[in-house]
Amino acid sequence: MKCCAAAIIALALAGGGCGRSKPAAAPADGDGVGNPGDPDGGLGAGDTGDDTASGEVPPLVLPPECADAAQPPTTLVCTGLYADIVGKQLAPGVAAYAPAVPLWSDGAEKQRWISLPAGSTIDNADPNEWKFPVGTKVWKEFSRDGRRVETRLWQKLRDNYWVNATYAWNDDESAAMKSAGGDIPFGSDGDTYHIPTNDECEKCHRGRTDRLLGFEQIGLGLPGATGLTLGALVAAGRLTTPPATTEMVIGDDGTGVAAPALAWLHSNCGTTCHNGNSNASAYGSGLRMRLDATMLDGRSSAGFDTLRTAVGVMVNAPNWKGQTRIVPGDPDKSLLYHLITHRGTGDQMPPIASRLVDQDHTPLVQAWISQMPPAPAPSPDGGVDAPDEVSDGATAAPDPDASDEALGPLDGADAADEAPSGLP
């Protein structure tokens, strides 16, 4: 089945699709995992179509108004996602994918697709910063209560230059127009839905040099990824440097429950803001929660950056000064856990794009912190056996009675400026 799926995906990426892709109905996963029951990535394995069987695939024909469309276009139909937008028939060369651990989007159902230029490859020489070929397009569609609301596009026009847009669907889901973002009415009870502005999109996507967040080695290589996975990319010859293994494994740190918590923090905090990319919004905080693909071979995670920069590390930002990111054994006293389980301006993580707490997955972080051995008790002379100073200017938790002068700067950044961008 895996080999068959990989062959089908390879055909789709070559521009052949599967002839007549099945309608892209909104999944009912509710947690943004896409369609896990569809191993071929939504490419229509059960319907190859006469054109594919004969080896001849008709080119995508866009409506006449798309001929001189701007980049990005003002309408979704001109982006090339659908061959038939009314019937939701995907265009040839468009492949579905879903990362193993999705970014939390307030329970919205999501579907994701990518189109790579025929014959092109992704430069994965740096497994943590993939470089995509010019012409790459990625879409993510959001549905709520079974109704399509928005579809987002990222398109690479030339080296180091991407354009992006968000398209809002009309009521009958027959078309979607480019949106500037903001709150829009949803439903009949006065509820609203927030479409991100370009500035909001940039705050997260600048955390990756080549912009794409969920289409990466870890998300596509962990168990649970579907559609165009890391293994399928290798089988299709789409990576310049095939990794030694296509199965990523997050090792344990001694708690027995580290892997799912680290995976969730990677997807929801690390890929976007809290990583070592100097363009990332929370780079200056020194907190690093993006996992390293080269270390996901089952080795112990006790020395991973997430633990090194969070466990026992005290915060310097004015609004949380004196609090500790993770207090081993005590999630209720851990600032990280507080922020991911609360919502309110200036008192939540992520700081934007979420109004609801992820009730299904934040307990994974709670369980992980709870299983950590408690921090050492103060020594008779009033000191503690705290960890050594952490890189990037963050400081390991000192004696509670120590002066404020013991706390270092936020990697040279102004704490007041950094606090709203990510967990301090």
Protein backbone atom coordinates (compact mmCIF):
# COMPACT_ATOMS: atom_id res chain seq x y z
CA MET A 1 0.00 0.00 0.00
CA LYS A 2 2.85 2.44 0.85
CA CYS A 3 4.61 1.74 -2.44
CA CYS A 4 1.40 2.20 -4.38
CA ALA A 5 0.66 5.47 -2.60
CA ALA A 6 4.19 6.73 -3.26
CA ALA A 7 3.84 5.90 -6.95
CA ILE A 8 0.56 7.77 -7.16
CA ILE A 9 2.03 10.81 -5.43
CA ALA A 10 5.05 10.73 -7.72
CA LEU A 11 2.70 10.77 -10.72
CA ALA A 12 0.76 13.70 -9.29
CA LEU A 13 3.91 15.73 -8.62
CA ALA A 14 5.06 15.06 -12.16
CA GLY A 15 2.01 16.99 -13.28
CA GLY A 16 -0.18 13.99 -13.97
CA GLY A 17 -2.35 13.99 -10.91
CA CYS A 18 -4.57 10.96 -11.12
CA GLY A 19 -6.71 12.20 -13.94
CA ARG A 20 -9.83 13.08 -12.03
CA SER A 21 -9.01 13.87 -8.43
CA LYS A 22 -11.82 13.12 -6.07
CA PRO A 23 -13.66 16.10 -4.54
CA ALA A 24 -11.76 17.67 -1.67
CA ALA A 25 -14.52 17.47 0.91
CA ALA A 26 -13.76 19.11 4.23
CA PRO A 27 -12.53 16.45 6.71
CA ALA A 28 -14.24 15.89 10.00
CA ASP A 29 -11.11 15.56 12.10
CA GLY A 30 -11.79 18.73 14.10
CA ASP A 31 -8.15 18.92 15.21
CA GLY A 32 -6.57 20.04 11.99
CA VAL A 33 -5.01 16.69 11.05
CA GLY A 34 -6.35 16.76 7.50
CA ASN A 35 -7.70 13.43 6.26
CA PRO A 36 -5.74 10.65 7.98
CA GLY A 37 -7.86 7.96 6.39
CA ASP A 38 -6.56 8.79 2.91
CA PRO A 39 -3.06 7.32 2.49
CA ASP A 40 -2.62 8.55 -1.07
CA GLY A 41 -2.87 12.18 -0.01
CA GLY A 42 -6.29 12.85 -1.52
CA LEU A 43 -5.06 12.21 -5.05
CA GLY A 44 -7.84 9.86 -6.01
CA ALA A 45 -6.15 6.45 -6.05
CA GLY A 46 -9.46 4.79 -6.79
CA ASP A 47 -10.11 6.85 -9.93
CA THR A 48 -7.18 6.98 -12.32
CA GLY A 49 -9.28 8.17 -15.24
CA ASP A 50 -8.90 7.34 -18.92
CA ASP A 51 -6.49 10.20 -19.56
CA THR A 52 -3.97 8.97 -16.98
CA ALA A 53 -4.28 5.37 -18.14
CA SER A 54 -3.37 6.41 -21.66
CA GLY A 55 -0.39 8.41 -20.41
CA GLU A 56 -1.85 11.67 -21.67
CA VAL A 57 -2.85 14.27 -19.12
CA PRO A 58 -4.61 17.44 -20.26
CA PRO A 59 -3.01 20.68 -19.02
CA LEU A 60 -4.84 22.77 -16.48
CA VAL A 61 -7.07 25.31 -18.21
CA LEU A 62 -7.76 28.36 -16.06
CA PRO A 63 -10.63 30.81 -16.70
CA PRO A 64 -9.88 33.61 -19.19
CA GLU A 65 -9.75 36.23 -16.44
CA CYS A 66 -6.65 34.48 -15.02
CA ALA A 67 -4.55 35.20 -18.10
CA ASP A 68 -3.17 38.50 -16.80
CA ALA A 69 -3.70 37.85 -13.10
CA ALA A 70 -1.41 39.49 -10.59
CA GLN A 71 0.78 37.42 -8.27
CA PRO A 72 -0.79 36.50 -5.99
CA PRO A 73 -4.11 36.50 -7.88
CA THR A 74 -7.22 38.18 -6.52
CA THR A 75 -9.25 34.97 -6.83
CA LEU A 76 -8.46 31.48 -5.59
CA VAL A 77 -9.41 29.88 -8.89
CA CYS A 78 -6.48 31.64 -10.57
CA THR A 79 -3.93 30.14 -8.15
CA GLY A 80 -4.15 26.73 -9.81
CA LEU A 81 -5.41 24.72 -6.84
CA TYR A 82 -8.59 23.50 -8.52
CA ALA A 83 -9.31 22.24 -12.01
CA ASP A 84 -12.97 22.69 -11.09
CA ILE A 85 -13.50 24.96 -8.10
CA VAL A 86 -17.26 24.37 -7.96
CA GLY A 87 -16.84 20.59 -7.92
CA LYS A 88 -13.67 20.88 -5.79
CA GLN A 89 -11.66 18.84 -8.28
CA LEU A 90 -7.96 19.34 -7.64
CA ALA A 91 -5.68 20.42 -10.44
CA PRO A 92 -3.08 18.00 -11.88
CA GLY A 93 0.17 18.10 -9.95
CA VAL A 94 -1.43 19.09 -6.63
CA ALA A 95 -0.67 16.67 -3.77
CA ALA A 96 -2.25 16.55 -0.32
CA TYR A 97 -0.25 16.25 2.88
CA ALA A 98 -0.78 16.47 6.63
CA PRO A 99 2.00 16.77 9.22
CA ALA A 100 1.97 14.30 12.09
CA VAL A 101 1.34 17.03 14.67
CA PRO A 102 -0.61 19.99 13.32
CA LEU A 103 -0.53 23.60 14.39
CA TRP A 104 -3.49 24.31 16.66
CA SER A 105 -6.08 26.43 14.85
CA ASP A 106 -8.90 26.65 17.38
CA GLY A 107 -10.38 23.36 16.23
CA ALA A 108 -10.76 24.31 12.56
CA GLU A 109 -10.75 21.45 10.07
CA LYS A 110 -7.84 21.82 7.68
CA GLN A 111 -6.65 20.44 4.39
CA ARG A 112 -3.22 21.09 2.89
CA TRP A 113 -1.79 20.77 -0.61
CA ILE A 114 1.50 21.41 -2.35
CA SER A 115 2.48 21.78 -6.00
CA LEU A 116 6.14 21.41 -6.97
CA PRO A 117 7.32 22.28 -10.48
CA ALA A 118 7.72 19.21 -12.69
CA GLY A 119 11.16 17.64 -12.36
CA SER A 120 12.22 19.90 -9.48
CA THR A 121 13.68 18.91 -6.12
CA ILE A 122 13.69 20.37 -2.63
CA ASP A 123 17.15 21.27 -1.34
CA ASN A 124 17.25 19.57 2.04
CA ALA A 125 21.01 19.76 2.60
CA ASP A 126 20.09 21.51 5.85
CA PRO A 127 17.34 19.22 7.20
CA ASN A 128 16.03 22.00 9.44
CA GLU A 129 15.79 24.67 6.71
CA TRP A 130 14.50 23.21 3.45
CA LYS A 131 14.87 25.34 0.30
CA PHE A 132 12.04 24.99 -2.19
CA PRO A 133 12.26 25.32 -5.96
CA VAL A 134 10.96 28.47 -7.62
CA GLY A 135 7.35 27.85 -8.61
CA THR A 136 6.41 25.98 -5.42
CA LYS A 137 2.85 26.61 -4.25
CA VAL A 138 1.31 25.57 -0.95
CA TRP A 139 -2.33 25.92 0.09
CA LYS A 140 -4.07 25.41 3.41
CA GLU A 141 -7.85 25.37 3.58
CA PHE A 142 -9.76 26.09 6.80
CA SER A 143 -13.30 24.90 7.46
CA ARG A 144 -15.49 25.42 10.47
CA ASP A 145 -18.66 23.46 11.21
CA GLY A 146 -18.24 21.75 7.86
CA ARG A 147 -18.12 24.99 5.88
CA ARG A 148 -15.08 26.33 4.01
CA VAL A 149 -14.08 29.73 5.36
CA GLU A 150 -10.63 30.56 4.01
CA THR A 151 -7.77 29.16 1.94
CA ARG A 152 -4.22 30.45 2.33
CA LEU A 153 -1.55 30.45 -0.37
CA TRP A 154 2.24 30.72 -0.27
CA GLN A 155 3.97 30.88 -3.66
CA LYS A 156 7.67 31.16 -4.45
CA LEU A 157 8.17 33.48 -7.42
CA ARG A 158 11.96 33.61 -7.41
CA ASP A 159 14.90 32.85 -5.14
CA ASN A 160 14.31 34.25 -1.66
CA TYR A 161 11.01 35.83 -2.69
CA TRP A 162 7.58 34.51 -1.74
CA VAL A 163 4.12 36.02 -2.05
CA ASN A 164 1.16 35.01 0.09
CA ALA A 165 -2.55 35.64 0.20
CA THR A 166 -5.66 34.53 2.03
CA TYR A 167 -8.91 33.88 0.17
CA ALA A 168 -12.33 34.10 1.84
CA TRP A 169 -15.01 31.73 0.52
CA ASN A 170 -18.48 32.92 -0.42
CA ASP A 171 -21.57 31.43 1.21
CA ASP A 172 -22.16 28.67 -1.34
CA GLU A 173 -18.44 27.81 -1.56
CA SER A 174 -18.34 28.32 -5.30
CA ALA A 175 -15.57 30.96 -5.20
CA ALA A 176 -13.06 32.60 -2.89
CA MET A 177 -11.72 36.15 -3.11
CA LYS A 178 -8.51 37.63 -1.76
CA SER A 179 -9.00 39.09 1.72
CA ALA A 180 -7.10 41.77 3.62
CA GLY A 181 -7.87 39.91 6.83
CA GLY A 182 -9.78 40.77 9.98
CA ASP A 183 -12.94 39.54 11.66
CA ILE A 184 -15.78 38.41 9.41
CA PRO A 185 -19.33 37.37 10.40
CA PHE A 186 -19.78 33.63 10.79
CA GLY A 187 -23.03 31.84 11.43
CA SER A 188 -26.33 33.31 12.55
CA ASP A 189 -25.59 33.88 16.24
CA GLY A 190 -23.38 36.93 15.85
CA ASP A 191 -20.17 34.91 15.98
CA THR A 192 -17.08 35.98 14.03
CA TYR A 193 -14.14 34.30 12.37
CA HIS A 194 -10.72 35.93 12.20
CA ILE A 195 -8.82 35.84 8.91
CA PRO A 196 -5.16 36.76 9.48
CA THR A 197 -3.69 39.89 7.96
CA ASN A 198 -0.47 39.70 5.97
CA ASP A 199 1.41 41.14 8.94
CA GLU A 200 0.05 38.40 11.19
CA CYS A 201 1.07 35.75 8.67
CA GLU A 202 4.57 37.19 8.49
CA LYS A 203 5.02 37.11 12.27
CA CYS A 204 4.88 33.33 12.15
CA HIS A 205 6.28 32.47 8.72
CA ARG A 206 9.42 34.55 9.07
CA GLY A 207 10.58 31.89 11.51
CA ARG A 208 11.66 29.83 8.51
CA THR A 209 14.11 31.14 5.92
CA ASP A 210 12.06 29.67 3.07
CA ARG A 211 8.77 30.51 4.75
CA LEU A 212 6.95 27.13 4.83
CA LEU A 213 6.28 25.82 8.35
CA GLY A 214 4.40 22.50 8.33
CA PHE A 215 5.99 21.03 5.20
CA GLU A 216 9.28 20.01 6.82
CA GLN A 217 11.33 16.95 7.67
CA ILE A 218 10.05 16.48 11.21
CA GLY A 219 6.35 17.02 10.61
CA LEU A 220 6.38 14.77 7.55
CA GLY A 221 8.65 12.15 9.13
CA LEU A 222 6.98 11.54 12.50
CA PRO A 223 4.41 8.73 12.81
CA GLY A 224 0.96 9.98 11.86
CA ALA A 225 1.91 12.11 8.84
CA THR A 226 -0.26 11.36 5.81
CA GLY A 227 -0.32 12.05 2.09
CA LEU A 228 2.97 13.41 0.82
CA THR A 229 5.15 12.23 3.70
CA LEU A 230 8.93 12.26 4.05
CA GLY A 231 9.02 8.69 2.79
CA ALA A 232 6.88 9.55 -0.24
CA LEU A 233 9.14 12.49 -1.11
CA VAL A 234 12.20 10.24 -1.03
CA ALA A 235 10.46 7.56 -3.09
CA ALA A 236 9.49 10.19 -5.68
CA GLY A 237 13.07 11.50 -5.88
CA ARG A 238 12.04 14.95 -4.67
CA LEU A 239 14.83 15.58 -2.13
CA THR A 240 18.40 16.49 -3.09
CA THR A 241 19.82 14.66 -0.07
CA PRO A 242 17.69 11.66 0.95
CA PRO A 243 17.96 11.26 4.75
CA ALA A 244 19.36 8.09 6.24
CA THR A 245 15.92 7.28 7.57
CA THR A 246 12.47 8.58 6.70
CA GLU A 247 11.07 7.77 10.14
CA MET A 248 11.72 10.42 12.77
CA VAL A 249 11.74 9.26 16.40
CA ILE A 250 11.67 11.63 19.38
CA GLY A 251 13.51 9.97 22.25
CA ASP A 252 12.48 10.15 25.89
CA ASP A 253 14.12 12.26 28.59
CA GLY A 254 13.47 9.92 31.51
CA THR A 255 9.91 11.07 32.18
CA GLY A 256 8.32 8.49 29.88
CA VAL A 257 6.05 11.13 28.32
CA ALA A 258 8.43 13.60 26.66
CA ALA A 259 7.91 12.74 22.99
CA PRO A 260 4.30 13.90 22.48
CA ALA A 261 4.87 17.08 24.48
CA LEU A 262 8.04 17.96 22.58
CA ALA A 263 6.30 17.28 19.26
CA TRP A 264 3.40 19.59 20.14
CA LEU A 265 5.72 22.35 21.32
CA HIS A 266 7.79 21.98 18.14
CA SER A 267 4.77 22.40 15.86
CA ASN A 268 3.01 25.11 17.83
CA CYS A 269 5.92 27.14 19.20
CA GLY A 270 9.20 26.07 17.67
CA THR A 271 8.63 26.09 13.92
CA THR A 272 7.24 29.60 14.05
CA CYS A 273 8.78 31.81 16.73
CA HIS A 274 10.95 29.99 19.23
CA ASN A 275 13.91 28.82 17.19
CA GLY A 276 17.45 29.78 16.23
CA ASN A 277 16.52 31.62 13.04
CA SER A 278 17.46 35.24 13.71
CA ASN A 279 14.36 36.40 11.81
CA ALA A 280 11.98 34.48 14.10
CA SER A 281 9.68 36.69 16.16
CA ALA A 282 10.84 35.31 19.52
CA TYR A 283 14.49 34.74 18.64
CA GLY A 284 15.59 37.33 21.21
CA SER A 285 13.97 35.47 24.08
CA GLY A 286 16.54 32.69 23.86
CA LEU A 287 13.84 30.04 24.25
CA ARG A 288 14.30 27.32 21.63
CA MET A 289 11.50 24.80 21.02
CA ARG A 290 12.09 23.79 17.42
CA LEU A 291 13.44 20.24 17.32
CA ASP A 292 16.56 19.30 15.37
CA ALA A 293 15.83 16.73 12.66
CA THR A 294 19.36 15.32 12.89
CA MET A 295 18.73 14.31 16.52
CA LEU A 296 15.43 12.48 16.04
CA ASP A 297 16.89 8.99 15.88
CA GLY A 298 15.57 7.80 19.22
CA ARG A 299 18.40 9.21 21.34
CA SER A 300 17.59 10.72 24.71
CA SER A 301 15.91 14.11 24.49
CA ALA A 302 17.24 15.18 27.89
CA GLY A 303 19.74 17.53 26.26
CA PHE A 304 17.42 18.97 23.61
CA ASP A 305 17.13 22.74 23.32
CA THR A 306 13.55 22.77 24.63
CA LEU A 307 14.69 21.45 27.99
CA ARG A 308 17.99 23.32 28.02
CA THR A 309 16.36 26.72 27.52
CA ALA A 310 13.12 26.21 29.47
CA VAL A 311 13.52 23.90 32.46
CA GLY A 312 14.48 25.91 35.52
CA VAL A 313 15.06 29.04 33.45
CA MET A 314 13.78 32.30 34.89
CA VAL A 315 12.12 34.97 32.75
CA ASN A 316 13.42 38.51 32.36
CA ALA A 317 10.55 40.23 30.49
CA PRO A 318 8.91 42.91 32.68
CA ASN A 319 5.39 41.46 32.54
CA TRP A 320 6.56 38.01 33.72
CA LYS A 321 9.77 38.88 35.52
CA GLY A 322 10.74 36.43 38.24
CA GLN A 323 8.63 33.57 36.89
CA THR A 324 10.15 30.34 35.62
CA ARG A 325 9.45 28.92 32.20
CA ILE A 326 9.20 25.32 33.42
CA VAL A 327 9.27 24.37 37.09
CA PRO A 328 10.10 20.66 37.13
CA GLY A 329 7.29 18.64 38.68
CA ASP A 330 4.93 21.63 38.96
CA PRO A 331 3.04 22.69 35.82
CA ASP A 332 0.86 25.12 37.77
CA LYS A 333 3.94 27.19 38.64
CA SER A 334 5.38 26.93 35.11
CA LEU A 335 4.88 30.04 33.00
CA LEU A 336 4.99 28.05 29.77
CA TYR A 337 2.06 25.88 30.86
CA HIS A 338 0.12 28.89 32.12
CA LEU A 339 0.42 30.72 28.80
CA ILE A 340 -0.56 27.79 26.55
CA THR A 341 -3.64 27.13 28.70
CA HIS A 342 -4.93 30.71 28.91
CA ARG A 343 -6.30 33.23 26.46
CA GLY A 344 -6.21 36.99 26.81
CA THR A 345 -4.17 39.83 25.39
CA GLY A 346 -0.64 39.72 26.75
CA ASP A 347 -1.29 36.52 28.69
CA GLN A 348 -1.39 33.73 26.14
CA MET A 349 0.75 31.72 23.77
CA PRO A 350 0.65 31.87 20.88
CA PRO A 351 0.14 35.63 21.24
CA ILE A 352 -1.94 35.81 18.02
CA ALA A 353 -4.16 33.62 15.83
CA SER A 354 -5.88 31.76 18.66
CA ARG A 355 -8.86 32.45 20.87
CA LEU A 356 -9.35 28.93 22.24
CA VAL A 357 -7.08 26.67 24.27
CA ASP A 358 -6.08 23.34 22.76
CA GLN A 359 -7.79 21.20 25.39
CA ASP A 360 -6.79 17.94 23.70
CA HIS A 361 -3.04 18.46 23.55
CA THR A 362 -1.97 20.92 26.27
CA PRO A 363 -2.49 18.11 28.84
CA LEU A 364 0.46 16.38 27.14
CA VAL A 365 2.68 19.26 28.27
CA GLN A 366 1.10 19.18 31.73
CA ALA A 367 1.82 15.46 32.09
CA TRP A 368 5.40 15.92 30.91
CA ILE A 369 6.18 18.70 33.39
CA SER A 370 4.48 16.75 36.18
CA GLN A 371 6.77 13.77 35.59
CA MET A 372 9.98 15.82 35.76
CA PRO A 373 12.00 15.33 38.96
CA PRO A 374 11.50 18.36 41.23
CA ALA A 375 14.25 20.95 41.32
CA PRO A 376 16.89 20.54 44.05
CA ALA A 377 16.06 22.08 47.42
CA PRO A 378 18.12 25.10 48.53
CA SER A 379 21.44 24.22 50.13
CA PRO A 380 22.14 25.19 53.76
CA ASP A 381 23.97 28.33 52.63
CA GLY A 382 20.88 29.55 50.80
CA GLY A 383 22.01 28.63 47.27
CA VAL A 384 20.56 26.03 44.92
CA ASP A 385 22.12 23.52 42.60
CA ALA A 386 20.59 25.19 39.56
CA PRO A 387 21.61 24.52 35.96
CA ASP A 388 24.42 26.56 34.46
CA GLU A 389 23.70 29.70 32.49
CA VAL A 390 21.70 29.05 29.35
CA SER A 391 22.74 30.41 25.96
CA ASP A 392 21.21 33.42 24.24
CA GLY A 393 21.25 35.50 27.39
CA ALA A 394 18.55 33.57 29.28
CA THR A 395 19.55 32.80 32.87
CA ALA A 396 19.05 29.64 34.88
CA ALA A 397 16.82 30.09 37.91
CA PRO A 398 18.90 31.53 40.78
CA ASP A 399 18.27 31.63 44.50
CA PRO A 400 14.75 33.16 44.93
CA ASP A 401 16.28 35.79 47.20
CA ALA A 402 18.90 36.84 44.65
CA SER A 403 18.81 40.39 43.34
CA ASP A 404 17.40 41.35 39.96
CA GLU A 405 20.93 42.11 38.79
CA ALA A 406 21.52 38.36 38.52
CA LEU A 407 19.15 38.19 35.56
CA GLY A 408 20.80 38.66 32.18
CA PRO A 409 19.41 40.54 29.17
CA LEU A 410 17.21 38.97 26.50
CA ASP A 411 19.96 38.33 23.96
CA GLY A 412 20.54 42.04 23.57
CA ALA A 413 16.89 42.70 22.70
CA ASP A 414 14.66 45.03 24.62
CA ALA A 415 12.49 42.86 26.85
CA ALA A 416 9.43 45.05 26.41
CA ASP A 417 9.66 44.68 22.65
CA GLU A 418 10.15 40.91 22.73
CA ALA A 419 7.47 39.93 25.21
CA PRO A 420 4.44 40.19 22.89
CA SER A 421 6.16 38.16 20.16
CA GLY A 422 6.63 34.91 22.05
CA LEU A 423 7.09 33.19 25.37
CA PRO A 424 9.88 35.05 27.16
